[in-house]
Amino acid sequence: MKLMLGRPSQDWQAAWHHPVALAGTFVDPQRYQGTAYQVSGWSRLGGNGGL
């Protein structure tokens, strides 16, 4: 997942001449544990459960 985010950052940089500084997503903690995000080094912000 971390490597996958490199491509949109490169595309954004090429189009807008500015790097991507932050990427976000949402996980329903009642349906998913967010394991893939954890092993990719993502951090949990806000909410009351999940990652």
N, C-alpha and C. Protein backbone atom coordinates (compact mmCIF):
# COMPACT_ATOMS: atom_id res chain seq x y z
N MET A 1 0.83 -1.17 0.00
CA MET A 1 0.00 0.00 0.00
C MET A 1 0.89 1.26 0.00
N LYS A 2 1.95 1.21 0.77
CA LYS A 2 2.84 2.36 0.82
C LYS A 2 3.46 2.64 -0.55
N LEU A 3 3.88 1.58 -1.24
CA LEU A 3 4.45 1.75 -2.58
C LEU A 3 3.41 2.25 -3.56
N MET A 4 2.18 1.78 -3.40
CA MET A 4 1.10 2.19 -4.29
C MET A 4 0.85 3.70 -4.19
N LEU A 5 1.01 4.26 -3.01
CA LEU A 5 0.78 5.70 -2.84
C LEU A 5 1.86 6.55 -3.51
N GLY A 6 2.98 5.93 -3.84
CA GLY A 6 4.04 6.68 -4.51
C GLY A 6 3.64 7.15 -5.90
N ARG A 7 2.87 6.37 -6.60
CA ARG A 7 2.47 6.73 -7.97
C ARG A 7 1.57 7.96 -8.01
N PRO A 8 0.50 8.02 -7.23
CA PRO A 8 -0.31 9.24 -7.26
C PRO A 8 0.50 10.48 -6.86
N SER A 9 1.44 10.31 -5.94
CA SER A 9 2.28 11.43 -5.55
C SER A 9 3.13 11.92 -6.72
N GLN A 10 3.69 10.97 -7.49
CA GLN A 10 4.48 11.35 -8.67
C GLN A 10 3.61 12.05 -9.70
N ASP A 11 2.42 11.53 -9.93
CA ASP A 11 1.51 12.14 -10.90
C ASP A 11 1.10 13.54 -10.46
N TRP A 12 0.80 13.69 -9.19
CA TRP A 12 0.39 14.99 -8.65
C TRP A 12 1.54 15.98 -8.79
N GLN A 13 2.75 15.53 -8.45
CA GLN A 13 3.94 16.39 -8.56
C GLN A 13 4.14 16.84 -9.99
N ALA A 14 3.97 15.94 -10.94
CA ALA A 14 4.15 16.28 -12.35
C ALA A 14 3.11 17.29 -12.82
N ALA A 15 1.88 17.14 -12.36
CA ALA A 15 0.79 18.03 -12.81
C ALA A 15 0.79 19.36 -12.09
N TRP A 16 1.05 19.35 -10.78
CA TRP A 16 0.86 20.56 -9.98
C TRP A 16 2.14 21.12 -9.38
N HIS A 17 3.27 20.43 -9.60
CA HIS A 17 4.58 20.88 -9.10
C HIS A 17 4.59 21.07 -7.59
N HIS A 18 3.88 20.17 -6.91
CA HIS A 18 3.82 20.20 -5.46
C HIS A 18 3.62 18.78 -4.97
N PRO A 19 4.39 18.33 -3.98
CA PRO A 19 4.26 16.94 -3.52
C PRO A 19 2.99 16.72 -2.69
N VAL A 20 2.56 15.48 -2.64
CA VAL A 20 1.46 15.09 -1.77
C VAL A 20 2.03 14.95 -0.37
N ALA A 21 1.46 15.64 0.59
CA ALA A 21 1.97 15.60 1.96
C ALA A 21 1.16 14.68 2.86
N LEU A 22 -0.07 14.37 2.46
CA LEU A 22 -0.95 13.60 3.33
C LEU A 22 -1.93 12.81 2.50
N ALA A 23 -2.17 11.59 2.90
CA ALA A 23 -3.20 10.76 2.26
C ALA A 23 -4.08 10.21 3.37
N GLY A 24 -5.35 10.08 3.08
CA GLY A 24 -6.27 9.60 4.10
C GLY A 24 -7.25 8.60 3.54
N THR A 25 -7.84 7.85 4.41
CA THR A 25 -8.85 6.87 4.05
C THR A 25 -9.75 6.65 5.26
N PHE A 26 -10.83 5.94 5.07
CA PHE A 26 -11.75 5.64 6.15
C PHE A 26 -11.94 4.14 6.25
N VAL A 27 -11.97 3.63 7.48
CA VAL A 27 -12.19 2.21 7.74
C VAL A 27 -13.35 2.10 8.72
N ASP A 28 -14.32 1.27 8.39
CA ASP A 28 -15.43 1.00 9.31
C ASP A 28 -14.93 0.01 10.36
N PRO A 29 -14.68 0.46 11.59
CA PRO A 29 -14.10 -0.42 12.61
C PRO A 29 -15.02 -1.57 13.02
N GLN A 30 -16.29 -1.49 12.70
CA GLN A 30 -17.19 -2.59 13.01
C GLN A 30 -17.11 -3.69 11.97
N ARG A 31 -16.54 -3.38 10.81
CA ARG A 31 -16.42 -4.39 9.75
C ARG A 31 -14.97 -4.80 9.48
N TYR A 32 -14.02 -3.88 9.73
CA TYR A 32 -12.62 -4.15 9.41
C TYR A 32 -11.72 -3.71 10.55
N GLN A 33 -10.58 -4.37 10.68
CA GLN A 33 -9.62 -4.01 11.73
C GLN A 33 -8.56 -3.03 11.23
N GLY A 34 -8.48 -2.83 9.94
CA GLY A 34 -7.47 -1.91 9.40
C GLY A 34 -6.07 -2.49 9.41
N THR A 35 -5.96 -3.81 9.39
CA THR A 35 -4.66 -4.48 9.47
C THR A 35 -3.72 -4.06 8.36
N ALA A 36 -4.21 -3.96 7.14
CA ALA A 36 -3.36 -3.57 6.01
C ALA A 36 -2.80 -2.16 6.22
N TYR A 37 -3.58 -1.29 6.81
CA TYR A 37 -3.10 0.06 7.08
C TYR A 37 -2.05 0.06 8.18
N GLN A 38 -2.25 -0.77 9.19
CA GLN A 38 -1.28 -0.85 10.28
C GLN A 38 0.08 -1.31 9.79
N VAL A 39 0.11 -2.38 8.99
CA VAL A 39 1.40 -2.90 8.52
C VAL A 39 2.04 -1.97 7.49
N SER A 40 1.28 -1.06 6.92
CA SER A 40 1.82 -0.10 5.96
C SER A 40 2.30 1.17 6.64
N GLY A 41 2.14 1.25 7.96
CA GLY A 41 2.65 2.39 8.70
C GLY A 41 1.69 3.57 8.84
N TRP A 42 0.41 3.35 8.53
CA TRP A 42 -0.59 4.41 8.67
C TRP A 42 -0.87 4.66 10.15
N SER A 43 -1.29 5.85 10.49
CA SER A 43 -1.65 6.20 11.85
C SER A 43 -3.13 6.49 11.96
N ARG A 44 -3.72 6.09 13.06
CA ARG A 44 -5.13 6.36 13.31
C ARG A 44 -5.28 7.79 13.84
N LEU A 45 -6.20 8.52 13.27
CA LEU A 45 -6.52 9.87 13.73
C LEU A 45 -8.00 9.95 14.03
N GLY A 46 -8.35 10.41 15.20
CA GLY A 46 -9.75 10.57 15.56
C GLY A 46 -10.49 9.26 15.68
N GLY A 47 -11.79 9.35 15.79
CA GLY A 47 -12.62 8.16 15.88
C GLY A 47 -12.55 7.50 17.25
N ASN A 48 -13.28 6.43 17.36
CA ASN A 48 -13.30 5.72 18.64
C ASN A 48 -13.18 4.22 18.43
N GLY A 49 -12.20 3.82 17.71
CA GLY A 49 -11.99 2.39 17.45
C GLY A 49 -11.21 2.22 16.17
N GLY A 50 -11.19 1.03 15.66
CA GLY A 50 -10.46 0.77 14.43
C GLY A 50 -8.97 0.74 14.67
N LEU A 51 -8.21 1.40 13.82
CA LEU A 51 -6.76 1.35 13.92
C LEU A 51 -6.26 1.92 15.22
